[in-house]
């Protein structure tokens, strides 16, 4: 190529417009992602109003190829760690929370499968938030009042998307320990 060739090359107008939009979208994405840890979904939402979906997907793929890390897994792990103890939630609630934060579906499934056991989360939540209800249930002698106390315990677990079976298992385990002591 001789030095004057660059002056004669004129890109197709559509190609030039695409390159300009791609560059503008990329600048916007990098600026947005530079501020703090964000997911690819959050970047998509930020860019949706200004750019077409094709350009957004191309930019996100380009950033991932270049190693500009979109922190989907990091955000997912942070949320799972944050939702322990008194703030624990069941798998359906965690799935919804991660989906709302823009974490990719495949990463959500991987993280939930590796790091979450509903039985443990349910026990953490119930011990932190329902110990007074459990105590009332265990001390109650009237069968009808006992049934109501059991229903309150199950509803408490259900409020955080823990299933009835998990709540009943936890209650039965605690009941055995109470009777043994």
C-alpha atoms as a PDB file:
ATOM      1  CA  UNK A   1       0.000   0.000   0.000  1.00  0.00           C
ATOM      2  CA  UNK A   2       1.351   3.356  -0.930  1.00  0.00           C
ATOM      3  CA  UNK A   3       0.946   6.439   1.174  1.00  0.00           C
ATOM      4  CA  UNK A   4      -1.823   7.933  -0.959  1.00  0.00           C
ATOM      5  CA  UNK A   5      -4.104   4.801  -0.818  1.00  0.00           C
ATOM      6  CA  UNK A   6      -5.632   5.817   2.496  1.00  0.00           C
ATOM      7  CA  UNK A   7      -6.904   9.002   0.916  1.00  0.00           C
ATOM      8  CA  UNK A   8      -8.756   7.220  -1.868  1.00  0.00           C
ATOM      9  CA  UNK A   9     -10.471   4.565   0.251  1.00  0.00           C
ATOM     10  CA  UNK A  10     -14.000   5.599   1.107  1.00  0.00           C
ATOM     11  CA  UNK A  11     -15.964   3.164   3.288  1.00  0.00           C
ATOM     12  CA  UNK A  12     -19.532   2.290   2.457  1.00  0.00           C
ATOM     13  CA  UNK A  13     -21.831   4.891   4.148  1.00  0.00           C
ATOM     14  CA  UNK A  14     -23.703   2.160   6.044  1.00  0.00           C
ATOM     15  CA  UNK A  15     -20.433   0.659   7.241  1.00  0.00           C
ATOM     16  CA  UNK A  16     -19.163   4.077   8.300  1.00  0.00           C
ATOM     17  CA  UNK A  17     -22.392   4.796  10.198  1.00  0.00           C
ATOM     18  CA  UNK A  18     -22.228   1.389  11.910  1.00  0.00           C
ATOM     19  CA  UNK A  19     -18.573   1.954  12.906  1.00  0.00           C
ATOM     20  CA  UNK A  20     -19.421   5.358  14.343  1.00  0.00           C
ATOM     21  CA  UNK A  21     -22.376   4.006  16.340  1.00  0.00           C
ATOM     22  CA  UNK A  22     -20.276   1.044  17.499  1.00  0.00           C
ATOM     23  CA  UNK A  23     -17.500   3.375  18.665  1.00  0.00           C
ATOM     24  CA  UNK A  24     -19.963   5.660  20.485  1.00  0.00           C
ATOM     25  CA  UNK A  25     -21.667   2.663  22.143  1.00  0.00           C
ATOM     26  CA  UNK A  26     -18.315   1.222  23.191  1.00  0.00           C
ATOM     27  CA  UNK A  27     -17.208   4.526  24.732  1.00  0.00           C
ATOM     28  CA  UNK A  28     -20.495   4.765  26.625  1.00  0.00           C
ATOM     29  CA  UNK A  29     -20.207   1.149  27.836  1.00  0.00           C
ATOM     30  CA  UNK A  30     -16.610   1.493  29.008  1.00  0.00           C
ATOM     31  CA  UNK A  31     -17.437   4.736  30.804  1.00  0.00           C
ATOM     32  CA  UNK A  32     -20.418   3.105  32.519  1.00  0.00           C
ATOM     33  CA  UNK A  33     -18.512  -0.036  33.499  1.00  0.00           C
ATOM     34  CA  UNK A  34     -15.480   1.862  34.786  1.00  0.00           C
ATOM     35  CA  UNK A  35     -17.362   3.321  37.744  1.00  0.00           C
ATOM     36  CA  UNK A  36     -18.035   0.137  39.716  1.00  0.00           C
ATOM     37  CA  UNK A  37     -18.744  -3.586  39.492  1.00  0.00           C
ATOM     38  CA  UNK A  38     -21.649  -4.112  37.083  1.00  0.00           C
ATOM     39  CA  UNK A  39     -23.221  -6.995  35.205  1.00  0.00           C
ATOM     40  CA  UNK A  40     -23.647  -7.376  31.463  1.00  0.00           C
ATOM     41  CA  UNK A  41     -27.402  -6.986  31.973  1.00  0.00           C
ATOM     42  CA  UNK A  42     -26.924  -3.661  33.709  1.00  0.00           C
ATOM     43  CA  UNK A  43     -24.725  -2.491  30.830  1.00  0.00           C
ATOM     44  CA  UNK A  44     -27.397  -3.588  28.328  1.00  0.00           C
ATOM     45  CA  UNK A  45     -30.108  -1.660  30.168  1.00  0.00           C
ATOM     46  CA  UNK A  46     -27.935   1.458  30.294  1.00  0.00           C
ATOM     47  CA  UNK A  47     -27.237   1.323  26.545  1.00  0.00           C
ATOM     48  CA  UNK A  48     -30.721   0.293  25.354  1.00  0.00           C
ATOM     49  CA  UNK A  49     -32.162   3.766  25.088  1.00  0.00           C
ATOM     50  CA  UNK A  50     -29.436   5.100  22.832  1.00  0.00           C
ATOM     51  CA  UNK A  51     -28.294   2.191  20.664  1.00  0.00           C
ATOM     52  CA  UNK A  52     -29.766  -0.685  18.698  1.00  0.00           C
ATOM     53  CA  UNK A  53     -29.757  -4.211  20.215  1.00  0.00           C
ATOM     54  CA  UNK A  54     -27.377  -5.482  17.505  1.00  0.00           C
ATOM     55  CA  UNK A  55     -24.770  -2.844  18.302  1.00  0.00           C
ATOM     56  CA  UNK A  56     -25.151  -3.420  22.039  1.00  0.00           C
ATOM     57  CA  UNK A  57     -24.620  -7.178  21.668  1.00  0.00           C
ATOM     58  CA  UNK A  58     -21.601  -6.588  19.407  1.00  0.00           C
ATOM     59  CA  UNK A  59     -20.081  -4.149  21.908  1.00  0.00           C
ATOM     60  CA  UNK A  60     -20.640  -6.465  24.884  1.00  0.00           C
ATOM     61  CA  UNK A  61     -19.175  -9.414  22.961  1.00  0.00           C
ATOM     62  CA  UNK A  62     -16.220  -7.235  21.940  1.00  0.00           C
ATOM     63  CA  UNK A  63     -15.599  -6.150  25.527  1.00  0.00           C
ATOM     64  CA  UNK A  64     -15.743  -9.745  26.749  1.00  0.00           C
ATOM     65  CA  UNK A  65     -13.350 -10.862  23.984  1.00  0.00           C
ATOM     66  CA  UNK A  66     -10.878  -8.169  24.949  1.00  0.00           C
ATOM     67  CA  UNK A  67     -10.978  -9.257  28.564  1.00  0.00           C
ATOM     68  CA  UNK A  68     -12.928  -6.246  29.773  1.00  0.00           C
ATOM     69  CA  UNK A  69     -14.593  -8.288  32.457  1.00  0.00           C
ATOM     70  CA  UNK A  70     -18.293  -7.883  33.031  1.00  0.00           C
ATOM     71  CA  UNK A  71     -18.769  -8.941  36.622  1.00  0.00           C
ATOM     72  CA  UNK A  72     -21.818 -11.214  36.419  1.00  0.00           C
ATOM     73  CA  UNK A  73     -20.368 -13.993  38.564  1.00  0.00           C
ATOM     74  CA  UNK A  74     -18.791 -11.600  41.065  1.00  0.00           C
ATOM     75  CA  UNK A  75     -22.115  -9.790  41.549  1.00  0.00           C
ATOM     76  CA  UNK A  76     -23.970 -13.103  41.858  1.00  0.00           C
ATOM     77  CA  UNK A  77     -21.589 -14.384  44.540  1.00  0.00           C
ATOM     78  CA  UNK A  78     -21.821 -11.101  46.426  1.00  0.00           C
ATOM     79  CA  UNK A  79     -25.621 -11.245  46.440  1.00  0.00           C
ATOM     80  CA  UNK A  80     -25.567 -14.870  47.640  1.00  0.00           C
ATOM     81  CA  UNK A  81     -23.170 -13.986  50.437  1.00  0.00           C
ATOM     82  CA  UNK A  82     -25.281 -10.970  51.368  1.00  0.00           C
ATOM     83  CA  UNK A  83     -28.443 -13.108  51.557  1.00  0.00           C
ATOM     84  CA  UNK A  84     -27.418 -15.274  54.488  1.00  0.00           C
ATOM     85  CA  UNK A  85     -28.633 -15.488  58.068  1.00  0.00           C
ATOM     86  CA  UNK A  86     -31.570 -13.223  58.820  1.00  0.00           C
ATOM     87  CA  UNK A  87     -31.660 -12.084  55.175  1.00  0.00           C
ATOM     88  CA  UNK A  88     -31.595 -15.588  53.686  1.00  0.00           C
ATOM     89  CA  UNK A  89     -33.929 -16.428  50.802  1.00  0.00           C
ATOM     90  CA  UNK A  90     -34.902 -19.593  48.960  1.00  0.00           C
ATOM     91  CA  UNK A  91     -33.702 -20.498  45.471  1.00  0.00           C
ATOM     92  CA  UNK A  92     -36.707 -18.997  43.649  1.00  0.00           C
ATOM     93  CA  UNK A  93     -36.240 -15.644  45.375  1.00  0.00           C
ATOM     94  CA  UNK A  94     -32.477 -15.679  44.777  1.00  0.00           C
ATOM     95  CA  UNK A  95     -33.002 -16.578  41.127  1.00  0.00           C
ATOM     96  CA  UNK A  96     -35.388 -13.659  40.700  1.00  0.00           C
ATOM     97  CA  UNK A  97     -33.057 -11.261  42.523  1.00  0.00           C
ATOM     98  CA  UNK A  98     -30.091 -12.244  40.324  1.00  0.00           C
ATOM     99  CA  UNK A  99     -32.183 -12.055  37.157  1.00  0.00           C
ATOM    100  CA  UNK A 100     -33.336  -8.552  38.110  1.00  0.00           C
ATOM    101  CA  UNK A 101     -29.704  -7.503  38.581  1.00  0.00           C
ATOM    102  CA  UNK A 102     -28.947  -8.525  34.993  1.00  0.00           C
ATOM    103  CA  UNK A 103     -26.876 -11.642  35.662  1.00  0.00           C
ATOM    104  CA  UNK A 104     -26.764 -14.074  32.741  1.00  0.00           C
ATOM    105  CA  UNK A 105     -29.011 -17.150  32.998  1.00  0.00           C
ATOM    106  CA  UNK A 106     -26.118 -19.629  32.710  1.00  0.00           C
ATOM    107  CA  UNK A 107     -24.174 -17.922  35.492  1.00  0.00           C
ATOM    108  CA  UNK A 108     -27.254 -17.848  37.735  1.00  0.00           C
ATOM    109  CA  UNK A 109     -27.725 -21.603  37.344  1.00  0.00           C
ATOM    110  CA  UNK A 110     -24.031 -22.344  37.940  1.00  0.00           C
ATOM    111  CA  UNK A 111     -23.778 -20.139  41.015  1.00  0.00           C
ATOM    112  CA  UNK A 112     -27.001 -21.418  42.587  1.00  0.00           C
ATOM    113  CA  UNK A 113     -26.018 -25.048  41.967  1.00  0.00           C
ATOM    114  CA  UNK A 114     -22.540 -24.613  43.450  1.00  0.00           C
ATOM    115  CA  UNK A 115     -23.163 -22.287  46.358  1.00  0.00           C
ATOM    116  CA  UNK A 116     -26.712 -22.610  47.626  1.00  0.00           C
ATOM    117  CA  UNK A 117     -28.378 -25.311  49.647  1.00  0.00           C
ATOM    118  CA  UNK A 118     -31.924 -24.358  50.583  1.00  0.00           C
ATOM    119  CA  UNK A 119     -31.880 -26.497  53.710  1.00  0.00           C
ATOM    120  CA  UNK A 120     -28.974 -24.519  55.160  1.00  0.00           C
ATOM    121  CA  UNK A 121     -30.396 -21.149  54.130  1.00  0.00           C
ATOM    122  CA  UNK A 122     -33.789 -22.025  55.596  1.00  0.00           C
ATOM    123  CA  UNK A 123     -32.195 -23.061  58.897  1.00  0.00           C
ATOM    124  CA  UNK A 124     -30.164 -19.826  59.043  1.00  0.00           C
ATOM    125  CA  UNK A 125     -33.211 -17.682  58.363  1.00  0.00           C
ATOM    126  CA  UNK A 126     -35.530 -19.509  60.743  1.00  0.00           C
ATOM    127  CA  UNK A 127     -33.014 -19.462  63.580  1.00  0.00           C
ATOM    128  CA  UNK A 128     -32.450 -15.755  63.105  1.00  0.00           C
ATOM    129  CA  UNK A 129     -36.049 -14.678  62.566  1.00  0.00           C
ATOM    130  CA  UNK A 130     -38.374 -17.342  63.936  1.00  0.00           C
ATOM    131  CA  UNK A 131     -36.821 -18.562  67.170  1.00  0.00           C
ATOM    132  CA  UNK A 132     -39.561 -16.866  69.219  1.00  0.00           C
ATOM    133  CA  UNK A 133     -42.260 -18.519  67.080  1.00  0.00           C
ATOM    134  CA  UNK A 134     -40.528 -21.884  67.460  1.00  0.00           C
ATOM    135  CA  UNK A 135     -40.352 -21.476  71.203  1.00  0.00           C
ATOM    136  CA  UNK A 136     -44.072 -20.651  71.344  1.00  0.00           C
ATOM    137  CA  UNK A 137     -44.824 -23.713  69.210  1.00  0.00           C
ATOM    138  CA  UNK A 138     -42.721 -26.054  71.355  1.00  0.00           C
ATOM    139  CA  UNK A 139     -44.181 -24.819  74.660  1.00  0.00           C
ATOM    140  CA  UNK A 140     -47.807 -24.858  73.487  1.00  0.00           C
ATOM    141  CA  UNK A 141     -49.886 -27.744  74.820  1.00  0.00           C
ATOM    142  CA  UNK A 142     -53.290 -26.993  73.302  1.00  0.00           C
ATOM    143  CA  UNK A 143     -53.451 -28.854  69.937  1.00  0.00           C
ATOM    144  CA  UNK A 144     -55.369 -26.091  68.195  1.00  0.00           C
ATOM    145  CA  UNK A 145     -53.035 -23.356  69.380  1.00  0.00           C
ATOM    146  CA  UNK A 146     -50.085 -25.592  68.508  1.00  0.00           C
ATOM    147  CA  UNK A 147     -51.431 -25.969  64.964  1.00  0.00           C
ATOM    148  CA  UNK A 148     -51.722 -22.192  64.638  1.00  0.00           C
ATOM    149  CA  UNK A 149     -48.155 -21.730  65.872  1.00  0.00           C
ATOM    150  CA  UNK A 150     -46.971 -24.311  63.331  1.00  0.00           C
ATOM    151  CA  UNK A 151     -48.830 -22.456  60.560  1.00  0.00           C
ATOM    152  CA  UNK A 152     -47.139 -19.187  61.595  1.00  0.00           C
ATOM    153  CA  UNK A 153     -43.739 -20.861  61.381  1.00  0.00           C
ATOM    154  CA  UNK A 154     -44.455 -22.268  57.921  1.00  0.00           C
ATOM    155  CA  UNK A 155     -45.735 -18.877  56.706  1.00  0.00           C
ATOM    156  CA  UNK A 156     -42.598 -17.218  58.030  1.00  0.00           C
ATOM    157  CA  UNK A 157     -40.466 -19.584  55.962  1.00  0.00           C
ATOM    158  CA  UNK A 158     -42.724 -19.128  52.950  1.00  0.00           C
ATOM    159  CA  UNK A 159     -42.278 -15.366  53.128  1.00  0.00           C
ATOM    160  CA  UNK A 160     -38.715 -15.920  51.892  1.00  0.00           C
ATOM    161  CA  UNK A 161     -39.576 -18.554  49.260  1.00  0.00           C
ATOM    162  CA  UNK A 162     -38.672 -21.558  51.380  1.00  0.00           C
ATOM    163  CA  UNK A 163     -40.941 -24.492  50.749  1.00  0.00           C
ATOM    164  CA  UNK A 164     -43.267 -26.023  53.306  1.00  0.00           C
ATOM    165  CA  UNK A 165     -41.231 -29.232  53.342  1.00  0.00           C
ATOM    166  CA  UNK A 166     -38.043 -27.354  54.270  1.00  0.00           C
ATOM    167  CA  UNK A 167     -39.791 -25.476  57.050  1.00  0.00           C
ATOM    168  CA  UNK A 168     -41.404 -28.626  58.435  1.00  0.00           C
ATOM    169  CA  UNK A 169     -38.109 -30.513  58.323  1.00  0.00           C
ATOM    170  CA  UNK A 170     -36.396 -27.724  60.259  1.00  0.00           C
ATOM    171  CA  UNK A 171     -39.258 -27.584  62.781  1.00  0.00           C
ATOM    172  CA  UNK A 172     -39.236 -31.366  63.275  1.00  0.00           C
ATOM    173  CA  UNK A 173     -35.466 -31.360  63.808  1.00  0.00           C
ATOM    174  CA  UNK A 174     -35.786 -28.632  66.423  1.00  0.00           C
ATOM    175  CA  UNK A 175     -38.680 -30.467  68.027  1.00  0.00           C
ATOM    176  CA  UNK A 176     -36.553 -33.614  68.404  1.00  0.00           C
ATOM    177  CA  UNK A 177     -33.759 -31.614  69.998  1.00  0.00           C
ATOM    178  CA  UNK A 178     -36.234 -29.954  72.359  1.00  0.00           C
ATOM    179  CA  UNK A 179     -37.696 -33.294  73.447  1.00  0.00           C
ATOM    180  CA  UNK A 180     -34.239 -34.792  73.984  1.00  0.00           C
ATOM    181  CA  UNK A 181     -33.106 -31.963  76.247  1.00  0.00           C
END
